[in-house]
Amino acid sequence: MTERVTLITGASAGIGTELARVFAANGHRLALTARRAERLEALAIELAAKGGKKPIVIACDLQDAGAGDKIAAALKAEGVELDHLVNNAGFGVFGDAIECDRAEQVGIVDVNVRALTDLSLRFADQLIRNKGGLLNVGSVAGFLPGPGMAVYYASKAYVISLTEALRAELAPRGVRVTVLCPGPVPTEFQARAGVGSGHNTALLNVSASDVARQAYHGLMANKRAVLPGLGIKIVPFALRFFPRGFILSATSRFQRQRR
């Protein structure tokens, strides 16, 4: 029988690293991918030291058009196929879209949208065959318009919409599909995005490890969406009671306070 693995993208830091730890602790063999090979290797050694089989390490940049081919080839060479796919990799850029670097913002679409879509569709047949699961990492930002991080917010709206549609299509075929929608979590994401420290919030109290644990259990319970933290759970519900123009203005003010 072909060995089954869980592929986690963006596993070198933050929520991705914590997801790797949670899946490994629950008996999953992993394949890890991210740009930073040294971090992936260190994580693989850490997880293997706890008694599991050493994860497969695939260093690649999901901004590259050929990343999906590289990942698929690496898994084939190892003689494994997926029973779970975790599309965690993603990044954002803080600032007005018309003033930020255009190539970097197109890179957000490459990673957050194109690569996530590619991997979800590319490995869907394996997830169906192995009655596995798909976990896509969205964001509470996906429920909102995002002046100040326009492309990032829009990319996460796409992730939520796609994941819910795939859930409807894959559920009859025995695949669990869940979208994870955390709020701002203290990770390296903020530094890479260029988010300032001018607006701290209680939402940051949800740690990456807590987010990962809730995401794992939500996927295994076949929840449609996981929104870690009470404050985050309220957001989609509360948005129903406000006009879109008010939400746009409020989000814009909030983003300005983060500079």
C-alpha atoms as a PDB file:
ATOM      1  CA  MET A   1       0.000   0.000   0.000  1.00  0.00           C
ATOM      2  CA  THR A   2       1.275   3.469  -0.882  1.00  0.00           C
ATOM      3  CA  GLU A   3       2.283   5.430   2.189  1.00  0.00           C
ATOM      4  CA  ARG A   4       0.039   8.387   2.952  1.00  0.00           C
ATOM      5  CA  VAL A   5       1.302  11.763   4.077  1.00  0.00           C
ATOM      6  CA  THR A   6      -0.036  15.179   5.052  1.00  0.00           C
ATOM      7  CA  LEU A   7       1.397  18.016   2.980  1.00  0.00           C
ATOM      8  CA  ILE A   8       1.687  21.347   4.813  1.00  0.00           C
ATOM      9  CA  THR A   9       2.734  24.463   2.928  1.00  0.00           C
ATOM     10  CA  GLY A  10       4.378  27.416   4.623  1.00  0.00           C
ATOM     11  CA  ALA A  11       5.593  25.093   7.370  1.00  0.00           C
ATOM     12  CA  SER A  12       8.777  26.981   8.252  1.00  0.00           C
ATOM     13  CA  ALA A  13       7.181  29.473  10.667  1.00  0.00           C
ATOM     14  CA  GLY A  14       4.108  30.585  12.566  1.00  0.00           C
ATOM     15  CA  ILE A  15       0.843  28.723  12.185  1.00  0.00           C
ATOM     16  CA  GLY A  16       2.404  26.370   9.623  1.00  0.00           C
ATOM     17  CA  THR A  17       5.023  25.138  12.080  1.00  0.00           C
ATOM     18  CA  GLU A  18       2.402  24.657  14.778  1.00  0.00           C
ATOM     19  CA  LEU A  19       0.140  22.776  12.371  1.00  0.00           C
ATOM     20  CA  ALA A  20       3.042  20.454  11.589  1.00  0.00           C
ATOM     21  CA  ARG A  21       3.536  19.780  15.283  1.00  0.00           C
ATOM     22  CA  VAL A  22      -0.158  19.070  15.849  1.00  0.00           C
ATOM     23  CA  PHE A  23      -0.508  16.739  12.856  1.00  0.00           C
ATOM     24  CA  ALA A  24       2.685  14.901  13.802  1.00  0.00           C
ATOM     25  CA  ALA A  25       1.538  14.525  17.411  1.00  0.00           C
ATOM     26  CA  ASN A  26      -1.625  12.875  16.095  1.00  0.00           C
ATOM     27  CA  GLY A  27       0.266  10.251  14.131  1.00  0.00           C
ATOM     28  CA  HIS A  28       0.428  11.783  10.653  1.00  0.00           C
ATOM     29  CA  ARG A  29       3.550  11.461   8.558  1.00  0.00           C
ATOM     30  CA  LEU A  30       4.291  14.819   7.010  1.00  0.00           C
ATOM     31  CA  ALA A  31       5.638  16.431   3.892  1.00  0.00           C
ATOM     32  CA  LEU A  32       6.700  20.004   4.589  1.00  0.00           C
ATOM     33  CA  THR A  33       7.260  22.767   2.086  1.00  0.00           C
ATOM     34  CA  ALA A  34       8.383  26.390   2.351  1.00  0.00           C
ATOM     35  CA  ARG A  35      11.142  28.611   1.015  1.00  0.00           C
ATOM     36  CA  ARG A  36      13.586  28.197   3.915  1.00  0.00           C
ATOM     37  CA  ALA A  37      15.138  24.750   3.695  1.00  0.00           C
ATOM     38  CA  GLU A  38      17.166  25.070   6.889  1.00  0.00           C
ATOM     39  CA  ARG A  39      14.081  25.784   8.964  1.00  0.00           C
ATOM     40  CA  LEU A  40      12.171  22.910   7.406  1.00  0.00           C
ATOM     41  CA  GLU A  41      15.057  20.553   8.101  1.00  0.00           C
ATOM     42  CA  ALA A  42      15.270  21.682  11.724  1.00  0.00           C
ATOM     43  CA  LEU A  43      11.528  21.129  12.147  1.00  0.00           C
ATOM     44  CA  ALA A  44      11.755  17.705  10.501  1.00  0.00           C
ATOM     45  CA  ILE A  45      14.526  16.684  12.906  1.00  0.00           C
ATOM     46  CA  GLU A  46      12.501  17.988  15.868  1.00  0.00           C
ATOM     47  CA  LEU A  47       9.431  15.982  14.879  1.00  0.00           C
ATOM     48  CA  ALA A  48      11.406  12.817  14.134  1.00  0.00           C
ATOM     49  CA  ALA A  49      13.060  13.066  17.564  1.00  0.00           C
ATOM     50  CA  LYS A  50       9.610  12.700  19.142  1.00  0.00           C
ATOM     51  CA  GLY A  51       9.240   9.225  17.705  1.00  0.00           C
ATOM     52  CA  GLY A  52       7.569   9.733  14.354  1.00  0.00           C
ATOM     53  CA  LYS A  53       8.963   9.121  10.908  1.00  0.00           C
ATOM     54  CA  LYS A  54      11.018  12.016   9.623  1.00  0.00           C
ATOM     55  CA  PRO A  55       8.963  14.359   7.439  1.00  0.00           C
ATOM     56  CA  ILE A  56       9.723  14.799   3.769  1.00  0.00           C
ATOM     57  CA  VAL A  57      11.270  18.235   3.196  1.00  0.00           C
ATOM     58  CA  ILE A  58      10.504  20.046  -0.073  1.00  0.00           C
ATOM     59  CA  ALA A  59      12.105  23.478  -0.263  1.00  0.00           C
ATOM     60  CA  CYS A  60      10.409  25.658  -2.870  1.00  0.00           C
ATOM     61  CA  ASP A  61       8.832  29.063  -3.373  1.00  0.00           C
ATOM     62  CA  LEU A  62       5.127  28.915  -4.170  1.00  0.00           C
ATOM     63  CA  GLN A  63       5.441  32.168  -6.090  1.00  0.00           C
ATOM     64  CA  ASP A  64       7.198  30.152  -8.800  1.00  0.00           C
ATOM     65  CA  ALA A  65       4.851  28.880 -11.491  1.00  0.00           C
ATOM     66  CA  GLY A  66       6.491  25.452 -11.402  1.00  0.00           C
ATOM     67  CA  ALA A  67       6.184  24.960  -7.631  1.00  0.00           C
ATOM     68  CA  GLY A  68       3.255  22.538  -7.919  1.00  0.00           C
ATOM     69  CA  ASP A  69       5.168  20.374 -10.388  1.00  0.00           C
ATOM     70  CA  LYS A  70       8.197  20.352  -8.092  1.00  0.00           C
ATOM     71  CA  ILE A  71       6.128  19.293  -5.084  1.00  0.00           C
ATOM     72  CA  ALA A  72       4.321  16.577  -7.030  1.00  0.00           C
ATOM     73  CA  ALA A  73       7.608  15.208  -8.389  1.00  0.00           C
ATOM     74  CA  ALA A  74       9.164  15.133  -4.920  1.00  0.00           C
ATOM     75  CA  LEU A  75       6.221  13.220  -3.480  1.00  0.00           C
ATOM     76  CA  LYS A  76       6.255  10.767  -6.389  1.00  0.00           C
ATOM     77  CA  ALA A  77       9.969  10.178  -5.901  1.00  0.00           C
ATOM     78  CA  GLU A  78       9.289   9.302  -2.257  1.00  0.00           C
ATOM     79  CA  GLY A  79       6.533   6.865  -3.302  1.00  0.00           C
ATOM     80  CA  VAL A  80       3.854   8.599  -1.224  1.00  0.00           C
ATOM     81  CA  GLU A  81       0.521  10.228  -1.856  1.00  0.00           C
ATOM     82  CA  LEU A  82      -1.630  12.614   0.136  1.00  0.00           C
ATOM     83  CA  ASP A  83      -4.430  11.880   2.491  1.00  0.00           C
ATOM     84  CA  HIS A  84      -4.443  15.433   3.860  1.00  0.00           C
ATOM     85  CA  LEU A  85      -3.468  18.741   2.297  1.00  0.00           C
ATOM     86  CA  VAL A  86      -2.963  21.895   4.362  1.00  0.00           C
ATOM     87  CA  ASN A  87      -2.655  25.053   2.272  1.00  0.00           C
ATOM     88  CA  ASN A  88      -1.200  27.339   4.903  1.00  0.00           C
ATOM     89  CA  ALA A  89       1.364  29.394   2.952  1.00  0.00           C
ATOM     90  CA  GLY A  90       0.447  33.017   2.434  1.00  0.00           C
ATOM     91  CA  PHE A  91       1.600  36.568   2.954  1.00  0.00           C
ATOM     92  CA  GLY A  92       0.385  40.148   2.741  1.00  0.00           C
ATOM     93  CA  VAL A  93       1.713  43.633   2.116  1.00  0.00           C
ATOM     94  CA  PHE A  94       0.633  46.551   4.276  1.00  0.00           C
ATOM     95  CA  GLY A  95      -0.044  49.933   2.698  1.00  0.00           C
ATOM     96  CA  ASP A  96      -2.166  51.503  -0.014  1.00  0.00           C
ATOM     97  CA  ALA A  97      -2.267  49.205  -3.034  1.00  0.00           C
ATOM     98  CA  ILE A  98      -1.416  51.950  -5.515  1.00  0.00           C
ATOM     99  CA  GLU A  99       1.710  52.824  -3.525  1.00  0.00           C
ATOM    100  CA  CYS A 100       3.018  49.328  -2.721  1.00  0.00           C
ATOM    101  CA  ASP A 101       5.305  47.330  -4.965  1.00  0.00           C
ATOM    102  CA  ARG A 102       3.179  45.906  -7.783  1.00  0.00           C
ATOM    103  CA  ALA A 103       5.271  42.756  -8.292  1.00  0.00           C
ATOM    104  CA  GLU A 104       5.090  41.932  -4.594  1.00  0.00           C
ATOM    105  CA  GLN A 105       1.321  42.310  -4.613  1.00  0.00           C
ATOM    106  CA  VAL A 106       1.012  40.066  -7.663  1.00  0.00           C
ATOM    107  CA  GLY A 107       3.143  37.632  -5.654  1.00  0.00           C
ATOM    108  CA  ILE A 108       0.401  37.597  -3.008  1.00  0.00           C
ATOM    109  CA  VAL A 109      -1.991  36.358  -5.678  1.00  0.00           C
ATOM    110  CA  ASP A 110       0.566  33.758  -6.802  1.00  0.00           C
ATOM    111  CA  VAL A 111       0.895  32.269  -3.315  1.00  0.00           C
ATOM    112  CA  ASN A 112      -2.463  32.910  -1.654  1.00  0.00           C
ATOM    113  CA  VAL A 113      -4.633  32.187  -4.703  1.00  0.00           C
ATOM    114  CA  ARG A 114      -2.884  30.455  -7.607  1.00  0.00           C
ATOM    115  CA  ALA A 115      -0.715  28.011  -5.642  1.00  0.00           C
ATOM    116  CA  LEU A 116      -3.512  27.151  -3.208  1.00  0.00           C
ATOM    117  CA  THR A 117      -5.857  26.478  -6.129  1.00  0.00           C
ATOM    118  CA  ASP A 118      -3.247  24.460  -8.009  1.00  0.00           C
ATOM    119  CA  LEU A 119      -2.472  22.181  -5.076  1.00  0.00           C
ATOM    120  CA  SER A 120      -6.124  21.772  -4.076  1.00  0.00           C
ATOM    121  CA  LEU A 121      -7.081  20.633  -7.575  1.00  0.00           C
ATOM    122  CA  ARG A 122      -3.852  18.764  -8.324  1.00  0.00           C
ATOM    123  CA  PHE A 123      -4.167  16.463  -5.318  1.00  0.00           C
ATOM    124  CA  ALA A 124      -7.961  16.215  -5.103  1.00  0.00           C
ATOM    125  CA  ASP A 125      -7.951  12.730  -6.632  1.00  0.00           C
ATOM    126  CA  GLN A 126      -5.585  11.487  -3.922  1.00  0.00           C
ATOM    127  CA  LEU A 127      -7.690  13.046  -1.164  1.00  0.00           C
ATOM    128  CA  ILE A 128     -10.762  11.336  -2.620  1.00  0.00           C
ATOM    129  CA  ARG A 129      -9.017   7.986  -2.966  1.00  0.00           C
ATOM    130  CA  ASN A 130      -7.750   8.141   0.629  1.00  0.00           C
ATOM    131  CA  LYS A 131     -10.926   9.660   2.122  1.00  0.00           C
ATOM    132  CA  GLY A 132      -8.796  12.437   3.565  1.00  0.00           C
ATOM    133  CA  GLY A 133      -9.082  16.118   4.246  1.00  0.00           C
ATOM    134  CA  LEU A 134      -8.334  19.569   2.872  1.00  0.00           C
ATOM    135  CA  LEU A 135      -7.564  22.469   5.195  1.00  0.00           C
ATOM    136  CA  ASN A 136      -7.185  25.886   3.578  1.00  0.00           C
ATOM    137  CA  VAL A 137      -5.980  28.783   5.694  1.00  0.00           C
ATOM    138  CA  GLY A 138      -8.063  31.851   5.042  1.00  0.00           C
ATOM    139  CA  SER A 139      -8.450  34.766   7.447  1.00  0.00           C
ATOM    140  CA  VAL A 140     -11.129  36.807   9.120  1.00  0.00           C
ATOM    141  CA  ALA A 141      -9.890  39.435   6.643  1.00  0.00           C
ATOM    142  CA  GLY A 142     -11.689  37.449   3.946  1.00  0.00           C
ATOM    143  CA  PHE A 143     -15.044  38.626   5.286  1.00  0.00           C
ATOM    144  CA  LEU A 144     -14.105  42.300   4.860  1.00  0.00           C
ATOM    145  CA  PRO A 145     -12.957  44.809   2.284  1.00  0.00           C
ATOM    146  CA  GLY A 146      -9.361  45.712   3.076  1.00  0.00           C
ATOM    147  CA  PRO A 147      -8.116  49.206   2.285  1.00  0.00           C
ATOM    148  CA  GLY A 148      -4.527  49.260   3.496  1.00  0.00           C
ATOM    149  CA  MET A 149      -4.057  45.574   2.605  1.00  0.00           C
ATOM    150  CA  ALA A 150      -6.375  45.384  -0.391  1.00  0.00           C
ATOM    151  CA  VAL A 151      -4.830  42.467  -2.273  1.00  0.00           C
ATOM    152  CA  TYR A 152      -4.337  40.357   0.850  1.00  0.00           C
ATOM    153  CA  TYR A 153      -7.937  40.799   2.010  1.00  0.00           C
ATOM    154  CA  ALA A 154      -9.224  40.024  -1.483  1.00  0.00           C
ATOM    155  CA  SER A 155      -7.062  36.900  -1.687  1.00  0.00           C
ATOM    156  CA  LYS A 156      -8.517  35.582   1.550  1.00  0.00           C
ATOM    157  CA  ALA A 157     -12.068  36.236   0.350  1.00  0.00           C
ATOM    158  CA  TYR A 158     -11.194  33.991  -2.585  1.00  0.00           C
ATOM    159  CA  VAL A 159      -9.858  31.296  -0.237  1.00  0.00           C
ATOM    160  CA  ILE A 160     -13.078  31.252   1.779  1.00  0.00           C
ATOM    161  CA  SER A 161     -15.289  31.111  -1.307  1.00  0.00           C
ATOM    162  CA  LEU A 162     -13.252  28.418  -3.049  1.00  0.00           C
ATOM    163  CA  THR A 163     -12.989  26.254   0.047  1.00  0.00           C
ATOM    164  CA  GLU A 164     -16.704  26.330   0.728  1.00  0.00           C
ATOM    165  CA  ALA A 165     -17.430  25.403  -2.890  1.00  0.00           C
ATOM    166  CA  LEU A 166     -14.902  22.558  -2.807  1.00  0.00           C
ATOM    167  CA  ARG A 167     -16.506  21.342   0.405  1.00  0.00           C
ATOM    168  CA  ALA A 168     -19.835  20.985  -1.394  1.00  0.00           C
ATOM    169  CA  GLU A 169     -18.194  19.136  -4.274  1.00  0.00           C
ATOM    170  CA  LEU A 170     -15.894  16.862  -2.264  1.00  0.00           C
ATOM    171  CA  ALA A 171     -18.111  15.997   0.704  1.00  0.00           C
ATOM    172  CA  PRO A 172     -20.126  13.415  -1.286  1.00  0.00           C
ATOM    173  CA  ARG A 173     -16.807  11.777  -2.169  1.00  0.00           C
ATOM    174  CA  GLY A 174     -15.763  11.367   1.449  1.00  0.00           C
ATOM    175  CA  VAL A 175     -13.346  14.282   1.802  1.00  0.00           C
ATOM    176  CA  ARG A 176     -13.462  16.643   4.781  1.00  0.00           C
ATOM    177  CA  VAL A 177     -12.942  20.278   3.750  1.00  0.00           C
ATOM    178  CA  THR A 178     -12.426  23.111   6.234  1.00  0.00           C
ATOM    179  CA  VAL A 179     -11.393  26.745   5.996  1.00  0.00           C
ATOM    180  CA  LEU A 180      -9.434  28.221   8.896  1.00  0.00           C
ATOM    181  CA  CYS A 181     -10.118  31.929   9.463  1.00  0.00           C
ATOM    182  CA  PRO A 182      -7.899  33.295  12.241  1.00  0.00           C
ATOM    183  CA  GLY A 183      -7.625  36.922  13.227  1.00  0.00           C
ATOM    184  CA  PRO A 184      -4.241  38.598  13.630  1.00  0.00           C
ATOM    185  CA  VAL A 185      -1.944  36.060  15.302  1.00  0.00           C
ATOM    186  CA  PRO A 186       1.509  37.021  16.659  1.00  0.00           C
ATOM    187  CA  THR A 187       3.809  35.465  14.027  1.00  0.00           C
ATOM    188  CA  GLU A 188       6.381  36.610  11.481  1.00  0.00           C
ATOM    189  CA  PHE A 189       3.496  37.534   9.164  1.00  0.00           C
ATOM    190  CA  GLN A 190       3.214  41.042  10.614  1.00  0.00           C
ATOM    191  CA  ALA A 191       6.904  41.822  10.134  1.00  0.00           C
ATOM    192  CA  ARG A 192       6.919  40.589   6.548  1.00  0.00           C
ATOM    193  CA  ALA A 193       3.753  42.534   5.760  1.00  0.00           C
ATOM    194  CA  GLY A 194       5.156  45.710   7.266  1.00  0.00           C
ATOM    195  CA  VAL A 195       2.389  46.072   9.838  1.00  0.00           C
ATOM    196  CA  GLY A 196       3.294  48.544  12.561  1.00  0.00           C
ATOM    197  CA  SER A 197       2.677  48.156  16.276  1.00  0.00           C
ATOM    198  CA  GLY A 198       0.472  51.225  16.549  1.00  0.00           C
ATOM    199  CA  HIS A 199      -2.737  49.283  17.184  1.00  0.00           C
ATOM    200  CA  ASN A 200      -2.585  46.297  19.474  1.00  0.00           C
ATOM    201  CA  THR A 201      -5.734  44.312  20.149  1.00  0.00           C
ATOM    202  CA  ALA A 202      -7.027  41.546  22.382  1.00  0.00           C
ATOM    203  CA  LEU A 203      -7.495  39.471  19.233  1.00  0.00           C
ATOM    204  CA  LEU A 204      -3.754  38.830  19.404  1.00  0.00           C
ATOM    205  CA  ASN A 205      -4.328  36.711  22.510  1.00  0.00           C
ATOM    206  CA  VAL A 206      -4.961  33.631  20.340  1.00  0.00           C
ATOM    207  CA  SER A 207      -1.564  32.002  19.902  1.00  0.00           C
ATOM    208  CA  ALA A 208      -0.389  30.179  16.799  1.00  0.00           C
ATOM    209  CA  SER A 209      -0.348  26.903  18.736  1.00  0.00           C
ATOM    210  CA  ASP A 210      -3.966  27.387  19.860  1.00  0.00           C
ATOM    211  CA  VAL A 211      -5.000  28.242  16.302  1.00  0.00           C
ATOM    212  CA  ALA A 212      -3.314  25.090  15.011  1.00  0.00           C
ATOM    213  CA  ARG A 213      -4.967  22.835  17.598  1.00  0.00           C
ATOM    214  CA  GLN A 214      -8.404  24.254  16.875  1.00  0.00           C
ATOM    215  CA  ALA A 215      -7.801  23.930  13.133  1.00  0.00           C
ATOM    216  CA  TYR A 216      -6.793  20.277  13.407  1.00  0.00           C
ATOM    217  CA  HIS A 217      -9.747  19.292  15.551  1.00  0.00           C
ATOM    218  CA  GLY A 218     -12.090  21.296  13.330  1.00  0.00           C
ATOM    219  CA  LEU A 219     -10.864  19.489  10.229  1.00  0.00           C
ATOM    220  CA  MET A 220     -11.164  16.086  11.870  1.00  0.00           C
ATOM    221  CA  ALA A 221     -14.701  16.989  12.989  1.00  0.00           C
ATOM    222  CA  ASN A 222     -15.448  18.098   9.405  1.00  0.00           C
ATOM    223  CA  LYS A 223     -16.364  21.645  10.357  1.00  0.00           C
ATOM    224  CA  ARG A 224     -17.047  24.012   7.489  1.00  0.00           C
ATOM    225  CA  ALA A 225     -15.031  26.815   9.109  1.00  0.00           C
ATOM    226  CA  VAL A 226     -12.838  27.308  12.163  1.00  0.00           C
ATOM    227  CA  LEU A 227     -12.665  30.816  13.646  1.00  0.00           C
ATOM    228  CA  PRO A 228     -10.320  30.732  16.643  1.00  0.00           C
ATOM    229  CA  GLY A 229     -11.181  33.024  19.524  1.00  0.00           C
ATOM    230  CA  LEU A 230     -14.495  34.467  20.676  1.00  0.00           C
ATOM    231  CA  GLY A 231     -13.831  37.879  19.147  1.00  0.00           C
ATOM    232  CA  ILE A 232     -13.214  36.372  15.728  1.00  0.00           C
ATOM    233  CA  LYS A 233     -16.329  34.187  15.865  1.00  0.00           C
ATOM    234  CA  ILE A 234     -18.454  37.303  16.305  1.00  0.00           C
ATOM    235  CA  VAL A 235     -17.139  39.095  13.200  1.00  0.00           C
ATOM    236  CA  PRO A 236     -19.048  37.299  10.380  1.00  0.00           C
ATOM    237  CA  PHE A 237     -22.264  37.424  12.402  1.00  0.00           C
ATOM    238  CA  ALA A 238     -21.896  41.112  13.307  1.00  0.00           C
ATOM    239  CA  LEU A 239     -21.168  42.122   9.718  1.00  0.00           C
ATOM    240  CA  ARG A 240     -24.738  41.236   8.739  1.00  0.00           C
ATOM    241  CA  PHE A 241     -26.067  44.200  10.705  1.00  0.00           C
ATOM    242  CA  PHE A 242     -23.957  46.964   9.132  1.00  0.00           C
ATOM    243  CA  PRO A 243     -24.059  48.527   5.659  1.00  0.00           C
ATOM    244  CA  ARG A 244     -21.099  47.682   3.444  1.00  0.00           C
ATOM    245  CA  GLY A 245     -20.096  51.340   3.255  1.00  0.00           C
ATOM    246  CA  PHE A 246     -19.876  51.552   7.046  1.00  0.00           C
ATOM    247  CA  ILE A 247     -17.733  48.396   7.168  1.00  0.00           C
ATOM    248  CA  LEU A 248     -15.423  49.792   4.490  1.00  0.00           C
ATOM    249  CA  SER A 249     -14.954  53.037   6.420  1.00  0.00           C
ATOM    250  CA  ALA A 250     -14.400  51.244   9.738  1.00  0.00           C
ATOM    251  CA  THR A 251     -11.845  48.857   8.245  1.00  0.00           C
ATOM    252  CA  SER A 252      -9.993  51.772   6.683  1.00  0.00           C
ATOM    253  CA  ARG A 253      -9.764  53.536  10.055  1.00  0.00           C
ATOM    254  CA  PHE A 254      -8.579  50.357  11.753  1.00  0.00           C
ATOM    255  CA  GLN A 255      -5.849  49.845   9.168  1.00  0.00           C
ATOM    256  CA  ARG A 256      -4.583  53.404   9.525  1.00  0.00           C
ATOM    257  CA  GLN A 257      -4.155  52.814  13.264  1.00  0.00           C
ATOM    258  CA  ARG A 258      -1.800  49.889  12.507  1.00  0.00           C
ATOM    259  CA  ARG A 259       0.793  52.044  10.724  1.00  0.00           C
END
